C-alpha cells in the first residue's frame, strides 16, 4: 500500500491497457483548470485530508490510483502518503472487526484477507513532467477524450500567468 513512482510513459500505458481501471488524482489547486492530464479528477491538496474516506470509498475498486501535483515533489507525495496511511488503517480495522469465534473459520479468514485496495502511485515529474513527455505526441484514447498535443501545437510550457492552455483541454 506504500506509494511507488511511475513515469508518464508508464501512466499512459496503464491508461491504454484494456480492462485496467486507473484513476488519476490531481491535487493542484486552481491551476488544474488551466490544463490537466486527460481524465484526471481534481481534489486540491488543501481539501484532500477531509476527503480521504470519500476518495478511498469512491475509488476502492479501481486497479491503480495515480496522484500528482505540478512537480510531484510536495503536495502529490504528501497526499499519496495520507491515502496510503488511510488504506492501512482501513485494512487494520477490517481485520480487527472479526470476532475471535468467526476468525477460526477458514472461509472467514480468506474473506478477511480479500480486503484489496488499489495500487497507489505518484507520477514522477508531476503535471509538468506529463506535459514535457506528451509534447509532440498524438495522445488520444478513451481515457483521454479530446486530448491532442502535436508538434503543430505551440510550446506547452508555462505561459504568462503560468498556464498550460495549449494542451488542448
Protein backbone atom coordinates (compact mmCIF):
# COMPACT_ATOMS: atom_id res chain seq x y z
CA UNK A 1 0.00 0.00 0.00
CA UNK A 2 3.02 2.29 0.04
CA UNK A 3 3.04 4.56 -2.99
CA UNK A 4 5.56 3.98 -5.76
CA UNK A 5 6.65 6.35 -8.51
CA UNK A 6 5.69 5.79 -12.14
CA UNK A 7 6.75 7.68 -15.24
CA UNK A 8 4.40 9.48 -17.64
CA UNK A 9 5.08 6.70 -20.15
CA UNK A 10 4.00 4.05 -17.61
CA UNK A 11 0.86 6.06 -16.80
CA UNK A 12 -0.02 6.31 -20.48
CA UNK A 13 0.46 2.55 -20.86
CA UNK A 14 -1.88 1.94 -17.91
CA UNK A 15 -4.49 4.23 -19.44
CA UNK A 16 -4.28 2.29 -22.72
CA UNK A 17 -4.40 -1.20 -21.18
CA UNK A 18 -7.76 -2.86 -21.69
CA UNK A 19 -9.51 -3.97 -18.53
CA UNK A 20 -7.28 -1.93 -16.21
CA UNK A 21 -9.05 0.80 -14.29
CA UNK A 22 -6.76 3.71 -13.49
CA UNK A 23 -7.76 6.91 -11.72
CA UNK A 24 -5.55 9.99 -11.87
CA UNK A 25 -5.95 12.42 -8.97
CA UNK A 26 -4.54 15.91 -9.47
CA UNK A 27 -4.05 17.63 -6.11
CA UNK A 28 -3.19 21.05 -7.51
CA UNK A 29 -5.46 23.99 -6.75
CA UNK A 30 -6.95 26.38 -9.27
CA UNK A 31 -4.16 25.74 -11.78
CA UNK A 32 -5.85 22.40 -12.55
CA UNK A 33 -8.37 24.33 -14.66
CA UNK A 34 -5.59 25.80 -16.81
CA UNK A 35 -4.69 22.29 -18.00
CA UNK A 36 -4.64 18.76 -16.67
CA UNK A 37 -3.98 15.16 -17.61
CA UNK A 38 -6.92 13.79 -19.61
CA UNK A 39 -9.43 12.08 -17.36
CA UNK A 40 -7.85 13.36 -14.13
CA UNK A 41 -10.05 14.36 -11.25
CA UNK A 42 -9.19 17.34 -9.09
CA UNK A 43 -9.05 17.14 -5.31
CA UNK A 44 -6.96 20.11 -4.13
CA UNK A 45 -4.35 19.22 -1.52
CA UNK A 46 -5.94 21.74 0.86
CA UNK A 47 -9.13 19.61 0.82
CA UNK A 48 -7.60 16.17 0.45
CA UNK A 49 -7.41 15.11 4.09
CA UNK A 50 -11.08 15.91 4.64
CA UNK A 51 -11.97 13.83 1.59
CA UNK A 52 -9.81 10.76 2.33
CA UNK A 53 -12.65 8.42 3.21
CA UNK A 54 -14.80 9.53 0.27
CA UNK A 55 -11.84 9.26 -2.11
CA UNK A 56 -11.00 5.74 -0.98
CA UNK A 57 -14.62 4.58 -0.99
CA UNK A 58 -15.23 6.01 -4.45
CA UNK A 59 -12.07 4.54 -5.98
CA UNK A 60 -11.52 1.40 -3.90
CA UNK A 61 -12.38 -0.91 -6.80
CA UNK A 62 -10.01 0.52 -9.39
CA UNK A 63 -6.68 -1.16 -10.10
CA UNK A 64 -4.41 1.88 -9.73
CA UNK A 65 -4.63 5.38 -8.31
CA UNK A 66 -2.01 7.79 -9.66
CA UNK A 67 -1.53 11.03 -7.77
CA UNK A 68 0.33 14.17 -8.76
CA UNK A 69 0.71 17.91 -8.36
CA UNK A 70 2.72 20.25 -10.58
CA UNK A 71 6.10 18.59 -9.98
CA UNK A 72 5.15 15.72 -7.62
CA UNK A 73 7.67 16.93 -5.06
CA UNK A 74 5.47 18.01 -2.13
CA UNK A 75 1.67 18.05 -2.48
CA UNK A 76 1.30 14.88 -4.59
CA UNK A 77 3.57 12.71 -2.43
CA UNK A 78 2.09 14.15 0.78
CA UNK A 79 -1.48 13.36 -0.31
CA UNK A 80 -0.42 9.90 -1.56
CA UNK A 81 1.13 9.24 1.85
CA UNK A 82 -2.10 10.32 3.57
CA UNK A 83 -4.12 7.99 1.35
CA UNK A 84 -1.67 5.14 1.95
CA UNK A 85 -1.98 5.55 5.73
CA UNK A 86 -5.77 5.68 5.39
CA UNK A 87 -5.72 2.41 3.40
CA UNK A 88 -3.57 0.76 6.06
CA UNK A 89 -5.93 1.93 8.80
CA UNK A 90 -8.95 0.62 6.89
CA UNK A 91 -7.23 -2.74 6.33
CA UNK A 92 -6.27 -2.99 10.01
CA UNK A 93 -9.80 -2.08 11.12
CA UNK A 94 -11.32 -4.60 8.71
CA UNK A 95 -9.16 -7.41 10.07
CA UNK A 96 -9.76 -6.45 13.70
CA UNK A 97 -13.56 -6.40 13.32
CA UNK A 98 -13.64 -10.18 13.01
CA UNK A 99 -14.83 -11.84 16.17
CA UNK A 100 -12.47 -14.47 17.63
CA UNK A 101 -15.05 -17.23 17.11
CA UNK A 102 -15.59 -16.40 13.45
CA UNK A 103 -11.89 -15.92 12.69
CA UNK A 104 -11.24 -19.62 13.25
CA UNK A 105 -13.27 -20.47 10.17
CA UNK A 106 -11.18 -20.88 7.01
CA UNK A 107 -13.93 -19.21 4.97
CA UNK A 108 -13.85 -16.07 7.11
CA UNK A 109 -10.06 -15.99 7.08
CA UNK A 110 -9.99 -15.92 3.31
CA UNK A 111 -12.71 -13.28 3.08
CA UNK A 112 -10.90 -11.00 5.56
CA UNK A 113 -7.71 -11.24 3.52
CA UNK A 114 -9.76 -10.20 0.48
CA UNK A 115 -9.63 -6.56 1.58
CA UNK A 116 -7.99 -5.21 -1.53
CA UNK A 117 -7.00 -1.65 -2.21
CA UNK A 118 -5.75 -0.10 -5.42
CA UNK A 119 -2.07 0.14 -6.22
CA UNK A 120 -1.05 3.66 -5.24
CA UNK A 121 1.39 5.59 -7.42
CA UNK A 122 2.90 9.06 -7.68
CA UNK A 123 3.54 10.48 -11.13
CA UNK A 124 7.25 11.21 -11.44
CA UNK A 125 7.67 14.82 -12.58
CA UNK A 126 4.01 15.64 -11.93
CA UNK A 127 1.90 17.53 -14.43
CA UNK A 128 4.98 19.35 -15.69
CA UNK A 129 6.63 16.01 -16.46
CA UNK A 130 3.49 14.80 -18.22
CA UNK A 131 3.40 17.92 -20.41
CA UNK A 132 7.08 17.59 -21.31
CA UNK A 133 6.63 13.86 -22.05
CA UNK A 134 3.49 14.35 -24.14
CA UNK A 135 4.80 17.24 -26.24
CA UNK A 136 4.97 16.17 -29.84
CA UNK A 137 2.90 13.03 -29.27
CA UNK A 138 -0.60 12.44 -30.55
CA UNK A 139 -2.24 11.27 -27.34
CA UNK A 140 -5.84 10.15 -27.81
CA UNK A 141 -7.72 7.36 -26.11
CA UNK A 142 -10.98 6.56 -24.41
CA UNK A 143 -9.38 7.62 -21.16
CA UNK A 144 -8.38 10.94 -22.64
CA UNK A 145 -11.19 12.19 -24.87
CA UNK A 146 -10.39 15.30 -26.82
CA UNK A 147 -6.76 15.46 -25.79
CA UNK A 148 -4.36 16.30 -28.56
CA UNK A 149 -0.82 17.53 -28.41
CA UNK A 150 1.10 17.52 -31.63
CA UNK A 151 4.22 19.14 -32.96
CA UNK A 152 1.96 21.67 -34.69
CA UNK A 153 0.80 22.96 -31.30
CA UNK A 154 2.63 25.81 -29.73
CA UNK A 155 5.05 25.12 -26.88
CA UNK A 156 3.00 23.64 -23.98
CA UNK A 157 5.26 25.24 -21.37
CA UNK A 158 4.09 27.84 -18.89
CA UNK A 159 2.59 30.92 -20.46
CA UNK A 160 2.20 34.36 -19.00
CA UNK A 161 0.47 33.62 -15.69
CA UNK A 162 1.75 30.03 -15.53
CA UNK A 163 -0.96 28.39 -17.65
CA UNK A 164 -0.79 25.35 -19.89
CA UNK A 165 -3.67 26.28 -22.13
CA UNK A 166 -2.11 24.87 -25.31
CA UNK A 167 -2.55 21.20 -24.36
CA UNK A 168 -6.00 21.14 -25.85
CA UNK A 169 -8.16 20.72 -22.77
